[in-house]
Amino acid sequence: MWYAIEGYDGQDVLAQRQAARPEHLARLHALRDEGRLLLAGPCPAIDAQDPGPAGFSGSLVVAEFASLQDARAWADADPYCAAGVYARVDVRPFKPVLP
């Protein structure tokens, strides 16, 4: 089943986000290579493609896991969690409809 994983950045964590990004992306590339990634990306904190020093408000990942428990375990192991980037992470079932 598909799951939406929403990470919400804490305050002033852009430097931590940038430092943890290579490990974070490696995990996403692994999901992609396994055919289990529908989409992933950050949410700019301002209305701009490149938010610069404003940074990001969080991230969204939609990926396939065997269970909600597996999706939560994957999310909890994210380098952004370990680096203190995310203040909160929500994991919910997701049903793709379009396109």
PDB file of N, CA and C in Angstrom:
ATOM      1  N   MET A   1       0.839  -1.177   0.000  1.00  0.00           N
ATOM      2  CA  MET A   1       0.000   0.000   0.000  1.00  0.00           C
ATOM      3  C   MET A   1       0.891   1.250   0.000  1.00  0.00           C
ATOM      4  N   TRP A   2       0.326   2.325  -0.511  1.00  0.00           N
ATOM      5  CA  TRP A   2       1.032   3.603  -0.548  1.00  0.00           C
ATOM      6  C   TRP A   2       0.803   4.358   0.752  1.00  0.00           C
ATOM      7  N   TYR A   3       1.839   5.123   1.154  1.00  0.00           N
ATOM      8  CA  TYR A   3       1.755   5.925   2.377  1.00  0.00           C
ATOM      9  C   TYR A   3       2.335   7.310   2.107  1.00  0.00           C
ATOM     10  N   ALA A   4       1.667   8.324   2.656  1.00  0.00           N
ATOM     11  CA  ALA A   4       2.165   9.699   2.603  1.00  0.00           C
ATOM     12  C   ALA A   4       2.924   9.950   3.901  1.00  0.00           C
ATOM     13  N   ILE A   5       4.162  10.360   3.755  1.00  0.00           N
ATOM     14  CA  ILE A   5       5.018  10.675   4.901  1.00  0.00           C
ATOM     15  C   ILE A   5       5.305  12.168   4.829  1.00  0.00           C
ATOM     16  N   GLU A   6       4.817  12.901   5.831  1.00  0.00           N
ATOM     17  CA  GLU A   6       4.994  14.346   5.865  1.00  0.00           C
ATOM     18  C   GLU A   6       5.868  14.722   7.052  1.00  0.00           C
ATOM     19  N   GLY A   7       7.024  15.269   6.741  1.00  0.00           N
ATOM     20  CA  GLY A   7       7.921  15.749   7.781  1.00  0.00           C
ATOM     21  C   GLY A   7       7.800  17.254   7.880  1.00  0.00           C
ATOM     22  N   TYR A   8       7.713  17.759   9.097  1.00  0.00           N
ATOM     23  CA  TYR A   8       7.568  19.187   9.343  1.00  0.00           C
ATOM     24  C   TYR A   8       8.844  19.706   9.999  1.00  0.00           C
ATOM     25  N   ASP A   9       9.503  20.644   9.320  1.00  0.00           N
ATOM     26  CA  ASP A   9      10.767  21.180   9.827  1.00  0.00           C
ATOM     27  C   ASP A   9      10.563  21.999  11.096  1.00  0.00           C
ATOM     28  N   GLY A  10      11.551  21.922  11.975  1.00  0.00           N
ATOM     29  CA  GLY A  10      11.598  22.789  13.137  1.00  0.00           C
ATOM     30  C   GLY A  10      12.082  24.170  12.721  1.00  0.00           C
ATOM     31  N   GLN A  11      12.344  25.017  13.679  1.00  0.00           N
ATOM     32  CA  GLN A  11      12.816  26.375  13.424  1.00  0.00           C
ATOM     33  C   GLN A  11      14.329  26.381  13.179  1.00  0.00           C
ATOM     34  N   ASP A  12      14.749  27.161  12.206  1.00  0.00           N
ATOM     35  CA  ASP A  12      16.171  27.398  11.955  1.00  0.00           C
ATOM     36  C   ASP A  12      16.978  26.110  11.795  1.00  0.00           C
ATOM     37  N   VAL A  13      16.503  25.214  10.932  1.00  0.00           N
ATOM     38  CA  VAL A  13      17.170  23.914  10.743  1.00  0.00           C
ATOM     39  C   VAL A  13      17.777  23.751   9.348  1.00  0.00           C
ATOM     40  N   LEU A  14      17.888  24.846   8.596  1.00  0.00           N
ATOM     41  CA  LEU A  14      18.388  24.739   7.227  1.00  0.00           C
ATOM     42  C   LEU A  14      19.783  24.123   7.175  1.00  0.00           C
ATOM     43  N   ALA A  15      20.666  24.512   8.091  1.00  0.00           N
ATOM     44  CA  ALA A  15      22.028  23.949   8.084  1.00  0.00           C
ATOM     45  C   ALA A  15      22.001  22.449   8.367  1.00  0.00           C
ATOM     46  N   GLN A  16      21.168  22.005   9.296  1.00  0.00           N
ATOM     47  CA  GLN A  16      21.055  20.572   9.592  1.00  0.00           C
ATOM     48  C   GLN A  16      20.473  19.828   8.388  1.00  0.00           C
ATOM     49  N   ARG A  17      19.489  20.438   7.736  1.00  0.00           N
ATOM     50  CA  ARG A  17      18.868  19.831   6.554  1.00  0.00           C
ATOM     51  C   ARG A  17      19.915  19.640   5.457  1.00  0.00           C
ATOM     52  N   GLN A  18      20.706  20.670   5.204  1.00  0.00           N
ATOM     53  CA  GLN A  18      21.719  20.577   4.157  1.00  0.00           C
ATOM     54  C   GLN A  18      22.774  19.525   4.492  1.00  0.00           C
ATOM     55  N   ALA A  19      23.154  19.417   5.752  1.00  0.00           N
ATOM     56  CA  ALA A  19      24.168  18.433   6.152  1.00  0.00           C
ATOM     57  C   ALA A  19      23.654  17.003   6.020  1.00  0.00           C
ATOM     58  N   ALA A  20      22.381  16.774   6.319  1.00  0.00           N
ATOM     59  CA  ALA A  20      21.807  15.422   6.292  1.00  0.00           C
ATOM     60  C   ALA A  20      21.249  15.044   4.923  1.00  0.00           C
ATOM     61  N   ARG A  21      21.204  15.983   3.997  1.00  0.00           N
ATOM     62  CA  ARG A  21      20.556  15.759   2.706  1.00  0.00           C
ATOM     63  C   ARG A  21      21.140  14.588   1.908  1.00  0.00           C
ATOM     64  N   PRO A  22      22.456  14.419   1.805  1.00  0.00           N
ATOM     65  CA  PRO A  22      22.961  13.282   1.008  1.00  0.00           C
ATOM     66  C   PRO A  22      22.443  11.924   1.512  1.00  0.00           C
ATOM     67  N   GLU A  23      22.423  11.719   2.811  1.00  0.00           N
ATOM     68  CA  GLU A  23      21.921  10.451   3.357  1.00  0.00           C
ATOM     69  C   GLU A  23      20.419  10.324   3.140  1.00  0.00           C
ATOM     70  N   HIS A  24      19.705  11.431   3.308  1.00  0.00           N
ATOM     71  CA  HIS A  24      18.261  11.443   3.081  1.00  0.00           C
ATOM     72  C   HIS A  24      17.954  11.056   1.633  1.00  0.00           C
ATOM     73  N   LEU A  25      18.663  11.664   0.688  1.00  0.00           N
ATOM     74  CA  LEU A  25      18.441  11.363  -0.729  1.00  0.00           C
ATOM     75  C   LEU A  25      18.820   9.928  -1.082  1.00  0.00           C
ATOM     76  N   ALA A  26      19.846   9.395  -0.452  1.00  0.00           N
ATOM     77  CA  ALA A  26      20.252   8.013  -0.729  1.00  0.00           C
ATOM     78  C   ALA A  26      19.120   7.038  -0.400  1.00  0.00           C
ATOM     79  N   ARG A  27      18.415   7.293   0.683  1.00  0.00           N
ATOM     80  CA  ARG A  27      17.288   6.417   1.053  1.00  0.00           C
ATOM     81  C   ARG A  27      16.152   6.547   0.043  1.00  0.00           C
ATOM     82  N   LEU A  28      15.915   7.764  -0.437  1.00  0.00           N
ATOM     83  CA  LEU A  28      14.874   7.968  -1.442  1.00  0.00           C
ATOM     84  C   LEU A  28      15.259   7.311  -2.768  1.00  0.00           C
ATOM     85  N   HIS A  29      16.529   7.403  -3.137  1.00  0.00           N
ATOM     86  CA  HIS A  29      16.991   6.736  -4.362  1.00  0.00           C
ATOM     87  C   HIS A  29      16.809   5.222  -4.251  1.00  0.00           C
ATOM     88  N   ALA A  30      17.031   4.667  -3.077  1.00  0.00           N
ATOM     89  CA  ALA A  30      16.833   3.223  -2.881  1.00  0.00           C
ATOM     90  C   ALA A  30      15.366   2.846  -3.094  1.00  0.00           C
ATOM     91  N   LEU A  31      14.444   3.643  -2.550  1.00  0.00           N
ATOM     92  CA  LEU A  31      13.014   3.382  -2.778  1.00  0.00           C
ATOM     93  C   LEU A  31      12.683   3.480  -4.268  1.00  0.00           C
ATOM     94  N   ARG A  32      13.218   4.514  -4.915  1.00  0.00           N
ATOM     95  CA  ARG A  32      12.983   4.693  -6.353  1.00  0.00           C
ATOM     96  C   ARG A  32      13.495   3.494  -7.138  1.00  0.00           C
ATOM     97  N   ASP A  33      14.694   3.044  -6.824  1.00  0.00           N
ATOM     98  CA  ASP A  33      15.303   1.931  -7.547  1.00  0.00           C
ATOM     99  C   ASP A  33      14.533   0.634  -7.340  1.00  0.00           C
ATOM    100  N   GLU A  34      13.834   0.531  -6.208  1.00  0.00           N
ATOM    101  CA  GLU A  34      12.991  -0.643  -5.932  1.00  0.00           C
ATOM    102  C   GLU A  34      11.596  -0.493  -6.534  1.00  0.00           C
ATOM    103  N   GLY A  35      11.309   0.629  -7.188  1.00  0.00           N
ATOM    104  CA  GLY A  35       9.994   0.862  -7.779  1.00  0.00           C
ATOM    105  C   GLY A  35       8.924   1.194  -6.751  1.00  0.00           C
ATOM    106  N   ARG A  36       9.337   1.698  -5.582  1.00  0.00           N
ATOM    107  CA  ARG A  36       8.388   1.943  -4.491  1.00  0.00           C
ATOM    108  C   ARG A  36       8.172   3.422  -4.188  1.00  0.00           C
ATOM    109  N   LEU A  37       8.721   4.310  -4.990  1.00  0.00           N
ATOM    110  CA  LEU A  37       8.595   5.744  -4.740  1.00  0.00           C
ATOM    111  C   LEU A  37       7.676   6.379  -5.771  1.00  0.00           C
ATOM    112  N   LEU A  38       6.610   7.000  -5.301  1.00  0.00           N
ATOM    113  CA  LEU A  38       5.695   7.696  -6.200  1.00  0.00           C
ATOM    114  C   LEU A  38       6.146   9.140  -6.396  1.00  0.00           C
ATOM    115  N   LEU A  39       6.504   9.816  -5.299  1.00  0.00           N
ATOM    116  CA  LEU A  39       7.023  11.173  -5.381  1.00  0.00           C
ATOM    117  C   LEU A  39       7.690  11.546  -4.076  1.00  0.00           C
ATOM    118  N   ALA A  40       8.560  12.538  -4.163  1.00  0.00           N
ATOM    119  CA  ALA A  40       9.238  13.034  -2.963  1.00  0.00           C
ATOM    120  C   ALA A  40       9.765  14.428  -3.248  1.00  0.00           C
ATOM    121  N   GLY A  41       9.717  15.269  -2.234  1.00  0.00           N
ATOM    122  CA  GLY A  41      10.281  16.600  -2.393  1.00  0.00           C
ATOM    123  C   GLY A  41      10.037  17.471  -1.181  1.00  0.00           C
ATOM    124  N   PRO A  42      10.797  18.570  -1.119  1.00  0.00           N
ATOM    125  CA  PRO A  42      10.652  19.504  -0.011  1.00  0.00           C
ATOM    126  C   PRO A  42       9.554  20.532  -0.296  1.00  0.00           C
ATOM    127  N   CYS A  43       9.084  21.158   0.769  1.00  0.00           N
ATOM    128  CA  CYS A  43       8.099  22.238   0.677  1.00  0.00           C
ATOM    129  C   CYS A  43       8.801  23.543   1.050  1.00  0.00           C
ATOM    130  N   PRO A  44       9.045  24.421   0.072  1.00  0.00           N
ATOM    131  CA  PRO A  44       9.705  25.683   0.385  1.00  0.00           C
ATOM    132  C   PRO A  44       8.906  26.480   1.419  1.00  0.00           C
ATOM    133  N   ALA A  45       9.610  27.172   2.290  1.00  0.00           N
ATOM    134  CA  ALA A  45       8.961  27.959   3.339  1.00  0.00           C
ATOM    135  C   ALA A  45       8.326  29.231   2.787  1.00  0.00           C
ATOM    136  N   ILE A  46       8.728  29.624   1.576  1.00  0.00           N
ATOM    137  CA  ILE A  46       8.137  30.775   0.902  1.00  0.00           C
ATOM    138  C   ILE A  46       7.725  30.354  -0.497  1.00  0.00           C
ATOM    139  N   ASP A  47       6.965  31.198  -1.165  1.00  0.00           N
ATOM    140  CA  ASP A  47       6.455  30.884  -2.502  1.00  0.00           C
ATOM    141  C   ASP A  47       7.543  31.117  -3.542  1.00  0.00           C
ATOM    142  N   ALA A  48       8.505  30.189  -3.584  1.00  0.00           N
ATOM    143  CA  ALA A  48       9.624  30.297  -4.516  1.00  0.00           C
ATOM    144  C   ALA A  48      10.234  28.927  -4.733  1.00  0.00           C
ATOM    145  N   GLN A  49      10.693  28.660  -5.959  1.00  0.00           N
ATOM    146  CA  GLN A  49      11.373  27.399  -6.253  1.00  0.00           C
ATOM    147  C   GLN A  49      12.614  27.240  -5.383  1.00  0.00           C
ATOM    148  N   ASP A  50      13.375  28.325  -5.261  1.00  0.00           N
ATOM    149  CA  ASP A  50      14.577  28.328  -4.425  1.00  0.00           C
ATOM    150  C   ASP A  50      14.331  29.302  -3.277  1.00  0.00           C
ATOM    151  N   PRO A  51      14.013  28.783  -2.093  1.00  0.00           N
ATOM    152  CA  PRO A  51      13.674  29.673  -0.984  1.00  0.00           C
ATOM    153  C   PRO A  51      14.867  30.340  -0.329  1.00  0.00           C
ATOM    154  N   GLY A  52      16.084  29.991  -0.774  1.00  0.00           N
ATOM    155  CA  GLY A  52      17.276  30.597  -0.199  1.00  0.00           C
ATOM    156  C   GLY A  52      17.325  30.407   1.309  1.00  0.00           C
ATOM    157  N   PRO A  53      17.693  31.447   2.051  1.00  0.00           N
ATOM    158  CA  PRO A  53      17.841  31.303   3.499  1.00  0.00           C
ATOM    159  C   PRO A  53      16.524  31.071   4.235  1.00  0.00           C
ATOM    160  N   ALA A  54      15.378  31.280   3.567  1.00  0.00           N
ATOM    161  CA  ALA A  54      14.086  30.993   4.214  1.00  0.00           C
ATOM    162  C   ALA A  54      13.939  29.499   4.474  1.00  0.00           C
ATOM    163  N   GLY A  55      14.597  28.697   3.651  1.00  0.00           N
ATOM    164  CA  GLY A  55      14.591  27.250   3.852  1.00  0.00           C
ATOM    165  C   GLY A  55      13.273  26.588   3.487  1.00  0.00           C
ATOM    166  N   PHE A  56      12.955  25.552   4.221  1.00  0.00           N
ATOM    167  CA  PHE A  56      11.806  24.712   3.907  1.00  0.00           C
ATOM    168  C   PHE A  56      10.935  24.527   5.144  1.00  0.00           C
ATOM    169  N   SER A  57       9.650  24.284   4.891  1.00  0.00           N
ATOM    170  CA  SER A  57       8.730  24.026   6.002  1.00  0.00           C
ATOM    171  C   SER A  57       8.604  22.539   6.285  1.00  0.00           C
ATOM    172  N   GLY A  58       9.112  21.712   5.368  1.00  0.00           N
ATOM    173  CA  GLY A  58       9.036  20.268   5.547  1.00  0.00           C
ATOM    174  C   GLY A  58       9.229  19.542   4.233  1.00  0.00           C
ATOM    175  N   SER A  59       8.800  18.286   4.215  1.00  0.00           N
ATOM    176  CA  SER A  59       8.961  17.435   3.037  1.00  0.00           C
ATOM    177  C   SER A  59       7.781  16.492   2.923  1.00  0.00           C
ATOM    178  N   LEU A  60       7.549  16.020   1.697  1.00  0.00           N
ATOM    179  CA  LEU A  60       6.516  15.030   1.441  1.00  0.00           C
ATOM    180  C   LEU A  60       7.130  13.866   0.678  1.00  0.00           C
ATOM    181  N   VAL A  61       6.859  12.662   1.140  1.00  0.00           N
ATOM    182  CA  VAL A  61       7.275  11.434   0.457  1.00  0.00           C
ATOM    183  C   VAL A  61       6.031  10.566   0.324  1.00  0.00           C
ATOM    184  N   VAL A  62       5.776  10.058  -0.864  1.00  0.00           N
ATOM    185  CA  VAL A  62       4.719   9.069  -1.056  1.00  0.00           C
ATOM    186  C   VAL A  62       5.406   7.819  -1.588  1.00  0.00           C
ATOM    187  N   ALA A  63       5.337   6.750  -0.791  1.00  0.00           N
ATOM    188  CA  ALA A  63       6.056   5.520  -1.135  1.00  0.00           C
ATOM    189  C   ALA A  63       5.252   4.305  -0.715  1.00  0.00           C
ATOM    190  N   GLU A  64       5.633   3.179  -1.275  1.00  0.00           N
ATOM    191  CA  GLU A  64       4.938   1.924  -1.012  1.00  0.00           C
ATOM    192  C   GLU A  64       5.663   1.127   0.071  1.00  0.00           C
ATOM    193  N   PHE A  65       4.884   0.658   1.035  1.00  0.00           N
ATOM    194  CA  PHE A  65       5.393  -0.179   2.117  1.00  0.00           C
ATOM    195  C   PHE A  65       4.404  -1.313   2.369  1.00  0.00           C
ATOM    196  N   ALA A  66       4.862  -2.361   3.019  1.00  0.00           N
ATOM    197  CA  ALA A  66       4.008  -3.513   3.304  1.00  0.00           C
ATOM    198  C   ALA A  66       2.934  -3.188   4.333  1.00  0.00           C
ATOM    199  N   SER A  67       3.209  -2.213   5.209  1.00  0.00           N
ATOM    200  CA  SER A  67       2.254  -1.886   6.265  1.00  0.00           C
ATOM    201  C   SER A  67       2.504  -0.476   6.777  1.00  0.00           C
ATOM    202  N   LEU A  68       1.538   0.043   7.509  1.00  0.00           N
ATOM    203  CA  LEU A  68       1.694   1.341   8.147  1.00  0.00           C
ATOM    204  C   LEU A  68       2.855   1.309   9.133  1.00  0.00           C
ATOM    205  N   GLN A  69       3.007   0.214   9.827  1.00  0.00           N
ATOM    206  CA  GLN A  69       4.116   0.059  10.775  1.00  0.00           C
ATOM    207  C   GLN A  69       5.460   0.147  10.048  1.00  0.00           C
ATOM    208  N   ASP A  70       5.575  -0.494   8.898  1.00  0.00           N
ATOM    209  CA  ASP A  70       6.820  -0.429   8.116  1.00  0.00           C
ATOM    210  C   ASP A  70       7.084   0.987   7.618  1.00  0.00           C
ATOM    211  N   ALA A  71       6.035   1.681   7.186  1.00  0.00           N
ATOM    212  CA  ALA A  71       6.195   3.062   6.717  1.00  0.00           C
ATOM    213  C   ALA A  71       6.652   3.965   7.861  1.00  0.00           C
ATOM    214  N   ARG A  72       6.070   3.780   9.036  1.00  0.00           N
ATOM    215  CA  ARG A  72       6.473   4.586  10.194  1.00  0.00           C
ATOM    216  C   ARG A  72       7.916   4.292  10.598  1.00  0.00           C
ATOM    217  N   ALA A  73       8.295   3.031  10.561  1.00  0.00           N
ATOM    218  CA  ALA A  73       9.674   2.665  10.912  1.00  0.00           C
ATOM    219  C   ALA A  73      10.650   3.291   9.926  1.00  0.00           C
ATOM    220  N   TRP A  74      10.318   3.265   8.631  1.00  0.00           N
ATOM    221  CA  TRP A  74      11.179   3.883   7.624  1.00  0.00           C
ATOM    222  C   TRP A  74      11.287   5.382   7.883  1.00  0.00           C
ATOM    223  N   ALA A  75      10.157   6.022   8.156  1.00  0.00           N
ATOM    224  CA  ALA A  75      10.148   7.468   8.409  1.00  0.00           C
ATOM    225  C   ALA A  75      10.954   7.807   9.660  1.00  0.00           C
ATOM    226  N   ASP A  76      10.822   7.020  10.700  1.00  0.00           N
ATOM    227  CA  ASP A  76      11.544   7.277  11.954  1.00  0.00           C
ATOM    228  C   ASP A  76      13.060   7.163  11.780  1.00  0.00           C
ATOM    229  N   ALA A  77      13.487   6.367  10.799  1.00  0.00           N
ATOM    230  CA  ALA A  77      14.919   6.164  10.559  1.00  0.00           C
ATOM    231  C   ALA A  77      15.502   7.197   9.592  1.00  0.00           C
ATOM    232  N   ASP A  78      14.706   8.166   9.170  1.00  0.00           N
ATOM    233  CA  ASP A  78      15.190   9.170   8.220  1.00  0.00           C
ATOM    234  C   ASP A  78      16.307  10.003   8.847  1.00  0.00           C
ATOM    235  N   PRO A  79      17.367  10.266   8.092  1.00  0.00           N
ATOM    236  CA  PRO A  79      18.454  11.114   8.607  1.00  0.00           C
ATOM    237  C   PRO A  79      17.991  12.499   9.049  1.00  0.00           C
ATOM    238  N   TYR A  80      16.921  13.006   8.456  1.00  0.00           N
ATOM    239  CA  TYR A  80      16.412  14.300   8.902  1.00  0.00           C
ATOM    240  C   TYR A  80      15.874  14.216  10.330  1.00  0.00           C
ATOM    241  N   CYS A  81      15.352  13.072  10.731  1.00  0.00           N
ATOM    242  CA  CYS A  81      14.921  12.890  12.125  1.00  0.00           C
ATOM    243  C   CYS A  81      16.135  12.878  13.045  1.00  0.00           C
ATOM    244  N   ALA A  82      17.128  12.110  12.685  1.00  0.00           N
ATOM    245  CA  ALA A  82      18.337  11.993  13.512  1.00  0.00           C
ATOM    246  C   ALA A  82      19.058  13.335  13.638  1.00  0.00           C
ATOM    247  N   ALA A  83      18.998  14.160  12.585  1.00  0.00           N
ATOM    248  CA  ALA A  83      19.694  15.446  12.585  1.00  0.00           C
ATOM    249  C   ALA A  83      18.882  16.554  13.261  1.00  0.00           C
ATOM    250  N   GLY A  84      17.657  16.243  13.671  1.00  0.00           N
ATOM    251  CA  GLY A  84      16.826  17.249  14.320  1.00  0.00           C
ATOM    252  C   GLY A  84      16.156  18.214  13.360  1.00  0.00           C
ATOM    253  N   VAL A  85      16.086  17.856  12.082  1.00  0.00           N
ATOM    254  CA  VAL A  85      15.428  18.709  11.091  1.00  0.00           C
ATOM    255  C   VAL A  85      13.920  18.697  11.319  1.00  0.00           C
ATOM    256  N   TYR A  86      13.352  17.507  11.424  1.00  0.00           N
ATOM    257  CA  TYR A  86      11.910  17.388  11.581  1.00  0.00           C
ATOM    258  C   TYR A  86      11.508  17.553  13.040  1.00  0.00           C
ATOM    259  N   ALA A  87      10.538  18.428  13.262  1.00  0.00           N
ATOM    260  CA  ALA A  87       9.934  18.579  14.587  1.00  0.00           C
ATOM    261  C   ALA A  87       8.815  17.560  14.759  1.00  0.00           C
ATOM    262  N   ARG A  88       8.234  17.138  13.616  1.00  0.00           N
ATOM    263  CA  ARG A  88       7.117  16.182  13.653  1.00  0.00           C
ATOM    264  C   ARG A  88       7.065  15.450  12.317  1.00  0.00           C
ATOM    265  N   VAL A  89       6.656  14.187  12.356  1.00  0.00           N
ATOM    266  CA  VAL A  89       6.470  13.404  11.136  1.00  0.00           C
ATOM    267  C   VAL A  89       5.123  12.698  11.224  1.00  0.00           C
ATOM    268  N   ASP A  90       4.305  12.873  10.194  1.00  0.00           N
ATOM    269  CA  ASP A  90       3.015  12.183  10.100  1.00  0.00           C
ATOM    270  C   ASP A  90       3.101  11.143   8.991  1.00  0.00           C
ATOM    271  N   VAL A  91       2.533   9.970   9.242  1.00  0.00           N
ATOM    272  CA  VAL A  91       2.494   8.905   8.244  1.00  0.00           C
ATOM    273  C   VAL A  91       1.051   8.446   8.123  1.00  0.00           C
ATOM    274  N   ARG A  92       0.536   8.494   6.886  1.00  0.00           N
ATOM    275  CA  ARG A  92      -0.859   8.119   6.645  1.00  0.00           C
ATOM    276  C   ARG A  92      -0.966   7.275   5.389  1.00  0.00           C
ATOM    277  N   PRO A  93      -1.961   6.376   5.349  1.00  0.00           N
ATOM    278  CA  PRO A  93      -2.220   5.659   4.098  1.00  0.00           C
ATOM    279  C   PRO A  93      -2.588   6.658   3.002  1.00  0.00           C
ATOM    280  N   PHE A  94      -2.222   6.327   1.768  1.00  0.00           N
ATOM    281  CA  PHE A  94      -2.468   7.198   0.631  1.00  0.00           C
ATOM    282  C   PHE A  94      -2.999   6.360  -0.527  1.00  0.00           C
ATOM    283  N   LYS A  95      -4.018   6.885  -1.202  1.00  0.00           N
ATOM    284  CA  LYS A  95      -4.604   6.177  -2.354  1.00  0.00           C
ATOM    285  C   LYS A  95      -4.443   7.037  -3.597  1.00  0.00           C
ATOM    286  N   PRO A  96      -3.486   6.685  -4.475  1.00  0.00           N
ATOM    287  CA  PRO A  96      -3.342   7.448  -5.724  1.00  0.00           C
ATOM    288  C   PRO A  96      -4.581   7.286  -6.609  1.00  0.00           C
ATOM    289  N   VAL A  97      -5.054   8.403  -7.151  1.00  0.00           N
ATOM    290  CA  VAL A  97      -6.211   8.358  -8.045  1.00  0.00           C
ATOM    291  C   VAL A  97      -5.867   8.954  -9.415  1.00  0.00           C
ATOM    292  N   LEU A  98      -5.242  10.112  -9.428  1.00  0.00           N
ATOM    293  CA  LEU A  98      -4.898  10.766 -10.681  1.00  0.00           C
ATOM    294  C   LEU A  98      -3.428  11.136 -10.662  1.00  0.00           C
ATOM    295  N   PRO A  99      -2.739  11.274 -11.738  1.00  0.00           N
ATOM    296  CA  PRO A  99      -3.189  10.968 -13.083  1.00  0.00           C
ATOM    297  C   PRO A  99      -3.239   9.488 -13.343  1.00  0.00           C
TER     298      PRO A  99
END
